[in-house]
Protein backbone atom coordinates (compact mmCIF):
# COMPACT_ATOMS: atom_id res chain seq x y z
CA UNK A 1 -2.21 -7.52 -1.85
CA UNK A 2 -3.23 -4.54 0.22
CA UNK A 3 -4.35 -5.57 3.67
CA UNK A 4 -5.54 -3.38 6.47
CA UNK A 5 -6.77 -6.38 8.52
CA UNK A 6 -6.61 -9.01 5.84
CA UNK A 7 -7.82 -7.91 2.40
CA UNK A 8 -8.70 -4.27 1.74
CA UNK A 9 -12.39 -5.04 2.08
CA UNK A 10 -12.13 -4.36 5.81
CA UNK A 11 -11.25 -0.66 5.57
CA UNK A 12 -13.37 1.84 7.32
CA UNK A 13 -14.96 4.81 5.54
CA UNK A 14 -13.69 6.86 8.47
CA UNK A 15 -10.16 6.25 7.08
CA UNK A 16 -11.13 7.62 3.70
CA UNK A 17 -10.63 11.32 3.00
CA UNK A 18 -13.12 12.86 0.62
CA UNK A 19 -11.79 14.33 -2.59
CA UNK A 20 -12.60 17.82 -3.87
CA UNK A 21 -13.65 18.52 -7.47
CA UNK A 22 -10.02 18.41 -8.68
CA UNK A 23 -9.47 14.96 -7.21
CA UNK A 24 -7.18 16.26 -4.43
CA UNK A 25 -7.75 15.56 -0.78
CA UNK A 26 -10.36 17.95 0.59
CA UNK A 27 -8.69 18.13 3.98
CA UNK A 28 -5.12 17.29 5.10
CA UNK A 29 -4.33 13.92 6.62
CA UNK A 30 -2.86 13.73 10.10
CA UNK A 31 0.91 13.75 10.20
CA UNK A 32 2.99 10.59 10.67
CA UNK A 33 6.73 10.15 10.77
CA UNK A 34 8.18 7.27 8.73
CA UNK A 35 11.46 5.51 8.12
CA UNK A 36 12.71 3.20 5.40
CA UNK A 37 13.37 0.03 7.40
CA UNK A 38 16.65 -1.86 7.52
CA UNK A 39 16.86 -5.59 8.26
CA UNK A 40 18.94 -5.36 11.45
CA UNK A 41 16.81 -2.80 13.19
CA UNK A 42 13.30 -3.37 11.86
CA UNK A 43 12.85 -7.01 10.82
CA UNK A 44 11.27 -8.09 14.12
CA UNK A 45 8.84 -5.18 14.06
CA UNK A 46 7.76 -5.89 10.49
CA UNK A 47 7.25 -9.59 11.28
CA UNK A 48 5.13 -8.61 14.27
CA UNK A 49 2.99 -6.35 12.04
CA UNK A 50 2.57 -9.10 9.47
CA UNK A 51 1.55 -11.60 12.14
CA UNK A 52 -0.93 -9.08 13.51
CA UNK A 53 -2.64 -8.76 10.12
CA UNK A 54 -2.31 -12.45 9.31
CA UNK A 55 -0.43 -12.04 6.00
CA UNK A 56 3.10 -12.76 4.79
CA UNK A 57 5.18 -12.69 8.02
CA UNK A 58 7.48 -15.30 6.45
CA UNK A 59 8.14 -12.98 3.47
CA UNK A 60 9.71 -10.17 5.50
CA UNK A 61 13.36 -11.34 4.90
CA UNK A 62 12.69 -11.55 1.17
CA UNK A 63 11.25 -8.03 1.20
CA UNK A 64 14.54 -6.70 2.55
CA UNK A 65 16.39 -8.45 -0.30
CA UNK A 66 13.98 -6.91 -2.80
CA UNK A 67 14.46 -3.49 -1.17
CA UNK A 68 18.24 -3.84 -1.45
CA UNK A 69 17.80 -4.83 -5.16
CA UNK A 70 15.63 -1.74 -5.76
CA UNK A 71 12.46 -3.64 -6.67
CA UNK A 72 10.59 -2.82 -3.43
CA UNK A 73 10.31 0.30 -1.28
CA UNK A 74 9.02 -0.03 2.27
CA UNK A 75 8.20 2.37 5.08
CA UNK A 76 7.23 2.02 8.76
CA UNK A 77 4.91 4.75 10.06
CA UNK A 78 5.06 6.20 13.59
CA UNK A 79 3.08 8.70 15.60
CA UNK A 80 4.89 12.01 15.24
CA UNK A 81 7.91 12.41 17.48
CA UNK A 82 7.56 8.89 18.97
CA UNK A 83 8.67 5.29 18.44
CA UNK A 84 5.03 4.15 18.43
CA UNK A 85 4.48 2.29 15.16
CA UNK A 86 1.01 2.65 13.66
CA UNK A 87 1.55 0.61 10.46
CA UNK A 88 3.49 0.05 7.32
CA UNK A 89 3.24 0.30 3.52
CA UNK A 90 5.30 -0.44 0.53
CA UNK A 91 5.62 -0.24 -3.26
CA UNK A 92 6.60 -3.13 -5.57
CA UNK A 93 8.20 -2.11 -8.82
CA UNK A 94 7.34 -5.47 -10.36
CA UNK A 95 4.55 -8.01 -9.77
CA UNK A 96 6.57 -10.75 -8.16
CA UNK A 97 3.73 -13.18 -7.94
CA UNK A 98 2.43 -13.31 -11.54
CA UNK A 99 4.72 -10.93 -13.44
CA UNK A 100 1.61 -8.96 -14.45
CA UNK A 101 2.85 -5.77 -16.15
CA UNK A 102 -0.53 -4.11 -15.64
CA UNK A 103 -0.02 -4.42 -11.88
CA UNK A 104 3.64 -3.36 -11.58
CA UNK A 105 6.37 -2.97 -14.15
CA UNK A 106 9.21 -0.46 -13.90
CA UNK A 107 9.58 -0.22 -17.70
CA UNK A 108 5.97 1.00 -18.08
CA UNK A 109 6.38 3.15 -14.94
CA UNK A 110 3.74 1.24 -12.94
CA UNK A 111 4.10 0.29 -9.28
CA UNK A 112 1.82 -1.42 -6.80
CA UNK A 113 1.01 -0.55 -3.19
CA UNK A 114 1.65 -3.67 -1.12
CA UNK A 115 1.91 -4.69 2.51
CA UNK A 116 -0.42 -1.85 3.61
CA UNK A 117 -1.20 -2.36 7.29
CA UNK A 118 -2.60 -0.18 10.03
CA UNK A 119 -3.02 -1.40 13.64
CA UNK A 120 -6.68 -1.51 14.64
CA UNK A 121 -6.35 1.12 17.35
CA UNK A 122 -5.28 3.70 14.76
CA UNK A 123 -8.03 3.11 12.22
CA UNK A 124 -10.73 5.69 11.68
CA UNK A 125 -8.34 8.59 12.40
CA UNK A 126 -7.23 9.43 8.86
CA UNK A 127 -3.86 7.65 9.01
CA UNK A 128 -4.67 5.36 6.09
CA UNK A 129 -4.83 8.41 3.81
CA UNK A 130 -1.49 9.59 5.10
CA UNK A 131 0.14 6.23 4.44
CA UNK A 132 -1.28 6.03 0.94
CA UNK A 133 -0.15 9.65 0.21
CA UNK A 134 3.36 8.74 1.38
CA UNK A 135 3.36 5.62 -0.78
CA UNK A 136 2.35 7.78 -3.76
CA UNK A 137 5.25 10.17 -2.97
CA UNK A 138 7.68 7.24 -2.74
CA UNK A 139 6.40 5.97 -6.14
CA UNK A 140 6.85 9.39 -7.74
CA UNK A 141 10.42 9.56 -6.38
CA UNK A 142 11.10 6.29 -8.21
CA UNK A 143 9.81 7.78 -11.48
CA UNK A 144 6.49 5.82 -11.49
CA UNK A 145 3.52 7.37 -13.25
CA UNK A 146 0.76 4.94 -12.22
CA UNK A 147 0.20 3.28 -8.90
CA UNK A 148 -2.02 0.22 -8.47
CA UNK A 149 -3.41 -1.74 -5.53
CA UNK A 150 -5.53 -4.84 -5.29
CA UNK A 151 -7.64 -6.80 -2.87
CA UNK A 152 -10.72 -8.96 -2.65
CA UNK A 153 -13.55 -8.37 -5.14
CA UNK A 154 -15.67 -6.55 -2.57
CA UNK A 155 -12.90 -4.09 -1.75
CA UNK A 156 -14.24 -0.56 -2.06
CA UNK A 157 -13.35 2.85 -0.67
CA UNK A 158 -10.11 3.47 -2.41
CA UNK A 159 -11.97 5.44 -5.02
CA UNK A 160 -12.04 8.24 -2.44
CA UNK A 161 -8.26 8.43 -2.84
CA UNK A 162 -8.54 8.68 -6.62
CA UNK A 163 -8.15 4.96 -7.44
CA UNK A 164 -10.34 3.39 -10.10
CA UNK A 165 -11.01 -0.26 -10.85
CA UNK A 166 -9.26 -1.36 -14.08
CA UNK A 167 -9.82 -5.10 -13.92
CA UNK A 168 -11.21 -8.02 -12.00
CA UNK A 169 -9.68 -11.50 -12.10
CA UNK A 170 -9.18 -14.56 -9.99
CA UNK A 171 -5.86 -14.88 -8.20
CA UNK A 172 -4.35 -17.65 -6.05
CA UNK A 173 -2.84 -16.53 -2.73
CA UNK A 174 -0.46 -18.57 -0.59
CA UNK A 175 -0.67 -21.30 -3.25
CA UNK A 176 -4.14 -22.39 -2.12
CA UNK A 177 -6.64 -19.60 -1.63
CA UNK A 178 -8.48 -18.48 -4.83
CA UNK A 179 -10.19 -15.13 -4.66
CA UNK A 180 -11.81 -12.87 -7.20
CA UNK A 181 -9.56 -9.84 -7.05
CA UNK A 182 -10.27 -6.16 -7.75
CA UNK A 183 -7.34 -4.19 -9.25
CA UNK A 184 -7.38 -0.39 -8.93
CA UNK A 185 -5.07 2.26 -10.35
CA UNK A 186 -4.30 5.95 -10.08
CA UNK A 187 -2.28 8.25 -12.27
CA UNK A 188 0.51 9.99 -10.41
CA UNK A 189 1.10 12.48 -13.21
CA UNK A 190 -0.37 15.88 -12.40
CA UNK A 191 -1.98 17.51 -15.39
CA UNK A 192 -1.67 21.27 -15.60
CA UNK A 193 -4.81 23.44 -15.82
């Protein structure tokens, strides 16, 4: 699930970059540096981020295993030229939770943005668009043609990044919480004019 501060319903319109008529970003996003994390150096930082957002801190070690197996790609984002972390994002190449091939399936070239997080003090400055664009680039580098994301039913705003709702269904999170979930997708294949 995508979570800025919990589910994606809490995103700010200030983080959303308008699209021009071609569907491309109308203005550039601010620059961020990023690294692909490794367990020895970055596990504590990722756990801190996950505790800050309230989601999946206990899953961080598993994410490194998935990354080593090639079924997950992760990145930590920093202010340019610094060690000041602003957030994280990742791509799953399979839907680990429900094995839903519409959400993520490497054979059908679909991936899912997951573990999207931005510290509160960096929201409203355009960084969310930068992180999403970097996730899209990571997905393309893995040969994916469609990228999905999902969050609570009332999640809106990702349409400004070119994502469109393709289904709504109830999902169970953490084995107990049942939420109506909105699933969005975006084609990563550029069509020539």
